[in-house]
């Protein structure tokens, strides 16, 4: 299988280009843009996003996550209309220490994860909660997942909703 770098993966996501049948070795969080991201691989086990050996993050990281930083945004969402599909995310916890989540959809409006495998993360494989604060989107998060295979993670899938009002 072809090997690709963190920069290759980030460039493909930024260009909204389909991912290759390859293993993308990453050294930290890979960010999706604020709106309209389609992160589409060639299939589970064919397109793999894997944390490189020995990264050992000192702070909690999500391998695929929105551009926003720190907790919940003051108003609205960090991102919206994001789809992640047809790939495997590997936290590689056998060769890393630290806190690693796999796919982190919290803080994203209309987030969809389809046909995704998430494995070997020290913490949660998939965070699919609809956490947001105030703003124009109250009650319209629509975060969904289908055909999700989460295994060998600290926790499997985190689902739920939390509404923080700015009133």
Foldseek 3Di string as FASTA:
>chain_A
DAEAELVVLLVCQVVLHEDEQYEYEYLFAREHEAEDTEHHYPAEVRYEDEHDAPSADPAEGENYYHPDDDDADQAAASHENYEHEGYEYADPLVRYHDAYEYAECERYAHYEYERYEFAHGAAEDEEQEHEHEHYDQVPRRNGYYYNYHYDHYNHYYHYYYDYHYPD
